[in-house]
Structure formats: structure tokens, C-alpha cells
N, C-alpha and C. Protein backbone atom coordinates (compact mmCIF):
# COMPACT_ATOMS: atom_id res chain seq x y z
N MET A 1 10.89 -6.54 -13.51
CA MET A 1 9.26 -6.68 -13.00
C MET A 1 8.69 -5.29 -12.63
N THR A 2 7.82 -4.81 -13.06
CA THR A 2 7.40 -3.76 -13.11
C THR A 2 5.85 -3.82 -12.13
N ALA A 3 5.58 -2.83 -11.39
CA ALA A 3 4.28 -2.67 -10.81
C ALA A 3 3.56 -1.61 -10.82
N ARG A 4 2.21 -1.68 -10.87
CA ARG A 4 1.45 -0.23 -11.30
C ARG A 4 0.72 0.11 -9.82
N ILE A 5 0.84 1.44 -9.61
CA ILE A 5 -0.02 1.83 -8.55
C ILE A 5 -1.00 2.71 -9.10
N TYR A 6 -2.27 2.23 -8.34
CA TYR A 6 -3.34 2.74 -9.04
C TYR A 6 -4.52 3.15 -7.64
N SER A 7 -5.66 3.85 -7.82
CA SER A 7 -6.86 4.01 -7.00
C SER A 7 -7.99 3.52 -7.66
N PRO A 8 -8.81 2.45 -7.39
CA PRO A 8 -9.62 2.09 -8.42
C PRO A 8 -10.90 2.96 -8.13
N ALA A 9 -11.81 3.15 -9.21
CA ALA A 9 -12.77 3.73 -9.76
C ALA A 9 -14.10 2.87 -8.75
N ARG A 10 -14.95 3.69 -8.54
CA ARG A 10 -16.17 3.01 -8.10
C ARG A 10 -16.84 2.13 -9.04
N SER A 11 -17.46 1.04 -8.78
CA SER A 11 -18.11 0.35 -9.71
C SER A 11 -19.91 1.07 -9.67
N ALA A 12 -20.48 0.55 -11.10
CA ALA A 12 -21.71 1.32 -11.06
C ALA A 12 -22.89 0.92 -10.21
N THR A 13 -22.57 -0.11 -9.30
CA THR A 13 -23.43 -0.66 -8.29
C THR A 13 -22.90 -0.19 -6.73
N GLN A 14 -21.97 0.61 -6.64
CA GLN A 14 -21.58 0.79 -5.39
C GLN A 14 -22.21 2.27 -5.14
N GLN A 15 -22.88 2.07 -3.57
CA GLN A 15 -23.36 3.45 -3.23
C GLN A 15 -22.15 4.34 -2.59
N GLY A 16 -21.46 3.84 -1.61
CA GLY A 16 -20.56 4.85 -0.85
C GLY A 16 -19.23 4.95 -1.51
N GLN A 17 -18.33 5.45 -0.83
CA GLN A 17 -16.77 5.52 -1.41
C GLN A 17 -16.17 4.09 -1.17
N GLY A 18 -16.31 3.29 -0.53
CA GLY A 18 -16.05 1.92 -0.45
C GLY A 18 -14.15 1.96 -0.37
N LYS A 19 -13.87 1.14 -1.40
CA LYS A 19 -12.51 0.98 -1.53
C LYS A 19 -11.63 2.19 -2.50
N THR A 20 -12.49 3.12 -2.47
CA THR A 20 -11.88 4.22 -3.76
C THR A 20 -10.88 5.13 -3.07
N ARG A 21 -10.67 5.12 -1.69
CA ARG A 21 -9.90 6.07 -0.96
C ARG A 21 -8.59 5.54 -0.60
N PHE A 22 -8.49 4.35 -1.02
CA PHE A 22 -7.04 3.62 -1.06
C PHE A 22 -6.23 3.43 -2.25
N TRP A 23 -5.07 3.34 -2.22
CA TRP A 23 -4.32 3.09 -3.51
C TRP A 23 -3.60 1.72 -3.26
N PHE A 24 -3.51 1.12 -4.46
CA PHE A 24 -2.94 -0.33 -4.51
C PHE A 24 -1.79 -0.52 -5.29
N LEU A 25 -1.01 -1.33 -5.13
CA LEU A 25 0.26 -1.75 -5.65
C LEU A 25 0.18 -3.27 -6.32
N GLU A 26 0.31 -3.46 -7.33
CA GLU A 26 0.17 -4.63 -8.07
C GLU A 26 1.24 -4.97 -8.92
N TYR A 27 1.58 -6.22 -9.02
CA TYR A 27 2.58 -6.46 -10.12
C TYR A 27 2.03 -6.86 -11.63
N THR A 28 2.76 -6.49 -12.33
CA THR A 28 2.44 -6.90 -13.72
C THR A 28 3.02 -8.27 -14.09
N PRO A 29 2.46 -9.19 -14.61
CA PRO A 29 3.05 -10.41 -15.04
C PRO A 29 4.29 -10.70 -15.97
N GLU A 30 5.13 -11.28 -15.22
CA GLU A 30 6.37 -11.41 -16.05
C GLU A 30 6.15 -12.36 -17.26
N GLN A 31 5.50 -13.50 -17.08
CA GLN A 31 5.25 -14.44 -18.16
C GLN A 31 3.87 -14.70 -18.40
N PRO A 32 3.48 -14.83 -19.70
CA PRO A 32 2.11 -15.24 -20.09
C PRO A 32 1.68 -16.51 -19.44
N ARG A 33 0.07 -16.76 -19.06
CA ARG A 33 -0.53 -17.57 -18.69
C ARG A 33 -0.45 -18.78 -19.60
N GLU A 34 -0.62 -19.88 -19.49
CA GLU A 34 -0.69 -21.17 -20.20
C GLU A 34 -1.63 -22.05 -19.89
N ILE A 35 -2.00 -23.17 -20.77
CA ILE A 35 -3.06 -23.85 -20.26
C ILE A 35 -2.42 -25.24 -20.00
N GLU A 36 -2.95 -25.65 -18.73
CA GLU A 36 -2.38 -27.01 -18.17
C GLU A 36 -3.01 -27.98 -18.79
N PRO A 37 -1.91 -28.77 -19.18
CA PRO A 37 -2.66 -29.97 -20.16
C PRO A 37 -3.53 -30.85 -19.61
N LEU A 38 -3.65 -31.43 -18.21
CA LEU A 38 -4.34 -32.26 -17.65
C LEU A 38 -5.55 -31.83 -17.14
N MET A 39 -5.94 -30.81 -16.62
CA MET A 39 -7.23 -30.11 -16.29
C MET A 39 -7.97 -29.01 -17.32
N GLY A 40 -6.94 -28.41 -18.03
CA GLY A 40 -7.01 -27.36 -18.86
C GLY A 40 -7.37 -25.97 -18.30
N TRP A 41 -6.87 -25.85 -17.36
CA TRP A 41 -7.10 -24.52 -16.60
C TRP A 41 -6.01 -23.77 -16.94
N THR A 42 -5.87 -22.52 -16.86
CA THR A 42 -4.70 -21.55 -17.08
C THR A 42 -4.09 -21.44 -15.71
N ALA A 43 -2.96 -21.45 -16.09
CA ALA A 43 -1.76 -21.50 -14.99
C ALA A 43 -0.61 -20.70 -15.32
N SER A 44 0.00 -20.24 -14.08
CA SER A 44 1.11 -19.53 -14.22
C SER A 44 2.31 -19.80 -13.23
N GLY A 45 3.60 -19.56 -13.53
CA GLY A 45 4.29 -19.63 -12.57
C GLY A 45 5.02 -18.45 -11.90
N ASP A 46 4.19 -17.63 -12.14
CA ASP A 46 4.64 -16.03 -11.56
C ASP A 46 3.68 -15.72 -10.35
N MET A 47 4.30 -16.16 -9.22
CA MET A 47 3.38 -15.84 -8.03
C MET A 47 3.23 -14.65 -7.67
N LYS A 48 4.05 -13.53 -8.05
CA LYS A 48 4.09 -12.32 -7.46
C LYS A 48 2.79 -11.48 -8.19
N GLN A 49 2.27 -11.97 -9.05
CA GLN A 49 0.75 -11.49 -9.74
C GLN A 49 -0.08 -11.76 -8.79
N GLN A 50 -0.19 -12.76 -7.91
CA GLN A 50 -1.27 -12.71 -6.75
C GLN A 50 -1.35 -11.76 -5.71
N LEU A 51 0.04 -10.75 -5.86
CA LEU A 51 -0.04 -9.90 -4.63
C LEU A 51 -0.54 -8.68 -4.85
N ARG A 52 -1.30 -8.19 -4.04
CA ARG A 52 -1.84 -6.99 -4.12
C ARG A 52 -1.69 -6.23 -2.43
N LEU A 53 -1.10 -5.23 -2.76
CA LEU A 53 -0.36 -4.45 -1.68
C LEU A 53 -1.67 -3.10 -1.56
N ARG A 54 -2.10 -2.58 -0.25
CA ARG A 54 -2.74 -1.86 0.06
C ARG A 54 -2.07 -0.42 0.70
N PHE A 55 -2.45 0.85 0.22
CA PHE A 55 -1.86 1.72 0.97
C PHE A 55 -2.86 2.78 1.23
N ASP A 56 -2.41 3.89 2.23
CA ASP A 56 -3.78 5.04 2.61
C ASP A 56 -3.61 5.88 1.53
N SER A 57 -2.08 6.03 1.00
CA SER A 57 -1.95 7.30 0.06
C SER A 57 -1.12 6.96 -1.07
N LYS A 58 -1.22 7.80 -2.18
CA LYS A 58 -0.32 7.48 -3.41
C LYS A 58 1.19 7.45 -2.91
N ASP A 59 1.71 8.73 -2.02
CA ASP A 59 2.83 8.69 -1.31
C ASP A 59 3.48 7.48 -1.08
N GLU A 60 2.70 7.13 -0.13
CA GLU A 60 3.19 5.61 0.86
C GLU A 60 3.53 4.64 -0.15
N ALA A 61 2.47 4.60 -1.30
CA ALA A 61 2.92 3.44 -2.38
C ALA A 61 4.17 3.75 -3.00
N ILE A 62 4.43 4.91 -3.35
CA ILE A 62 5.62 5.24 -4.00
C ILE A 62 6.84 4.92 -3.22
N ALA A 63 6.60 5.44 -2.29
CA ALA A 63 7.85 5.18 -1.13
C ALA A 63 8.23 3.94 -1.04
N TYR A 64 6.96 2.87 -0.83
CA TYR A 64 7.46 1.26 -0.83
C TYR A 64 8.33 1.06 -2.02
N ALA A 65 7.62 1.43 -3.32
CA ALA A 65 8.44 0.95 -4.38
C ALA A 65 9.81 1.19 -4.43
N GLU A 66 9.97 2.84 -4.12
CA GLU A 66 11.16 3.24 -4.43
C GLU A 66 12.26 2.52 -3.32
N ARG A 67 11.71 2.30 -2.06
CA ARG A 67 12.65 1.65 -0.84
C ARG A 67 12.81 0.11 -1.21
N ASN A 68 12.21 -0.63 -1.79
CA ASN A 68 12.35 -1.88 -2.19
C ASN A 68 12.69 -2.24 -3.84
N GLY A 69 13.11 -1.13 -4.34
CA GLY A 69 13.64 -1.16 -5.63
C GLY A 69 12.73 -1.65 -6.63
N ILE A 70 11.43 -1.31 -6.73
CA ILE A 70 10.54 -2.15 -7.57
C ILE A 70 10.14 -0.69 -8.71
N ALA A 71 10.54 -1.16 -9.93
CA ALA A 71 10.00 -0.39 -11.00
C ALA A 71 8.50 -0.39 -11.06
N TYR A 72 8.10 1.09 -11.28
CA TYR A 72 6.61 1.34 -10.84
C TYR A 72 5.96 2.55 -12.12
N ARG A 73 4.68 2.22 -12.32
CA ARG A 73 4.09 3.51 -12.96
C ARG A 73 2.95 3.63 -12.08
N VAL A 74 2.30 4.92 -12.15
CA VAL A 74 1.40 5.34 -11.56
C VAL A 74 0.38 5.97 -12.28
N GLU A 75 -0.86 5.03 -12.47
CA GLU A 75 -2.09 5.71 -13.15
C GLU A 75 -2.63 6.70 -12.29
N ALA A 76 -3.46 7.34 -13.08
CA ALA A 76 -4.05 8.46 -12.76
C ALA A 76 -5.30 8.19 -12.13
N GLU A 77 -5.88 8.89 -10.99
CA GLU A 77 -7.04 8.53 -10.16
C GLU A 77 -8.13 8.56 -11.00
N GLN A 78 -8.92 7.35 -10.89
CA GLN A 78 -10.16 7.34 -11.62
C GLN A 78 -11.27 8.00 -10.99
N LYS A 79 -12.40 8.84 -11.56
CA LYS A 79 -13.22 9.40 -11.17
C LYS A 79 -14.57 8.85 -11.79
N GLN A 80 -15.54 8.91 -10.84
CA GLN A 80 -16.79 8.40 -11.10
C GLN A 80 -17.24 8.67 -12.55
N ALA A 81 -17.84 7.68 -13.45
CA ALA A 81 -18.18 8.09 -14.74
C ALA A 81 -19.64 8.81 -14.98
N ARG A 82 -20.45 8.48 -13.88
CA ARG A 82 -21.83 9.06 -14.09
C ARG A 82 -22.14 9.87 -12.63
N ARG A 83 -23.16 10.81 -12.64
CA ARG A 83 -23.40 11.47 -11.48
C ARG A 83 -24.46 10.72 -10.44
N THR A 84 -23.97 10.97 -9.33
CA THR A 84 -24.89 10.26 -8.11
C THR A 84 -26.20 10.89 -8.07
N MET A 85 -27.15 9.96 -8.12
CA MET A 85 -28.73 10.27 -7.83
C MET A 85 -29.24 9.40 -6.91
N ALA A 86 -30.02 9.96 -6.13
CA ALA A 86 -30.82 9.14 -5.15
C ALA A 86 -32.17 8.79 -5.84
N TYR A 87 -32.64 7.71 -5.06
CA TYR A 87 -33.97 7.20 -5.57
C TYR A 87 -34.93 8.25 -5.83
N SER A 88 -34.94 9.04 -4.60
CA SER A 88 -36.01 10.25 -4.23
C SER A 88 -35.88 11.18 -5.37
N ASP A 89 -34.69 11.32 -5.88
CA ASP A 89 -34.89 12.30 -7.07
C ASP A 89 -35.76 12.19 -8.18
N ASN A 90 -36.01 10.93 -8.42
CA ASN A 90 -37.47 10.59 -9.24
C ASN A 90 -38.53 11.19 -9.40
N PHE A 91 -38.75 11.80 -7.96
CA PHE A 91 -40.03 12.20 -7.64
C PHE A 91 -40.07 13.87 -7.32
N LYS A 92 -38.71 14.32 -7.66
CA LYS A 92 -38.91 15.87 -7.37
C LYS A 92 -39.65 16.69 -8.30
N SER A 93 -40.20 17.83 -7.72
CA SER A 93 -41.10 18.61 -8.53
C SER A 93 -40.22 19.25 -9.62
N THR A 94 -39.06 19.55 -9.29
CA THR A 94 -38.11 20.22 -10.28
C THR A 94 -37.64 19.58 -11.41
N ARG A 95 -37.74 18.23 -11.14
CA ARG A 95 -37.47 17.04 -12.37
C ARG A 95 -37.59 17.71 -13.86
N ILE A 96 -36.64 17.69 -14.65
CA ILE A 96 -36.88 18.02 -15.86
C ILE A 96 -37.04 16.54 -16.79
N GLY A 97 -38.00 16.51 -17.58
CA GLY A 97 -38.73 15.31 -18.23
C GLY A 97 -39.61 14.72 -17.31
N GLN A 98 -40.34 13.77 -17.84
CA GLN A 98 -41.40 12.83 -17.06
C GLN A 98 -40.89 11.63 -16.72
N TRP A 99 -41.30 11.19 -15.25
CA TRP A 99 -40.89 10.29 -15.19
C TRP A 99 -42.05 9.05 -15.08
N THR A 100 -41.64 7.94 -16.12
CA THR A 100 -42.61 6.94 -16.36
C THR A 100 -42.27 5.76 -15.94
N HIS A 101 -43.15 4.98 -15.38
CA HIS A 101 -42.83 3.59 -15.20
C HIS A 101 -43.57 2.67 -15.69
């Protein structure tokens, strides 16, 4: 079983840094999900995919994985896809382009 170590990117609706300063260790599923015949829900016997560990740094997450003999892969830290802009920036006198509503 392998695990992935990553730092999540900020969502488009998030204002502050939120959970982006933490690093997470999640296990990849060992077996695919299957449809339960009685209720039709998706189910899996793999309990480790419910586990999500939080660390303060990437080095702590890597040290935990190595100490416990867990195979891991580190995903690059994701950066914000768009620039941050405040609502008041819509009314700046130096704004390029016209603000219409």
C-alpha cells in the first residue's frame, strides 16, 4: 500500500490561507469500490482509505512514512491558480478597463 503526501491548494472560494499550510498523508485505495447489492451504495473493505493524517511540514510527513515503513510519493505543493483581488480593487482609479455592473 502506498500513500501520497501533499499540501492542498486553496479553493476559489477561500479567502485566507486556511488548510494550505499543512501537509497531509493519505493512503491510496488497495481495492476498487464495488456496488453493494442490497442498497446500491458504493462500498469498500479497505479501511485505510478513510485515514487522513495532518502534519505541520513535509519533512514530518516523510519521516512518519519512513519510520512506519510506508511506501509514499510526494506531490509538489500546489499554488494558487489566480491572483488575489479585493472587492475594493474594482473601484480603483488606476484600474485598467471599465468596471460595469
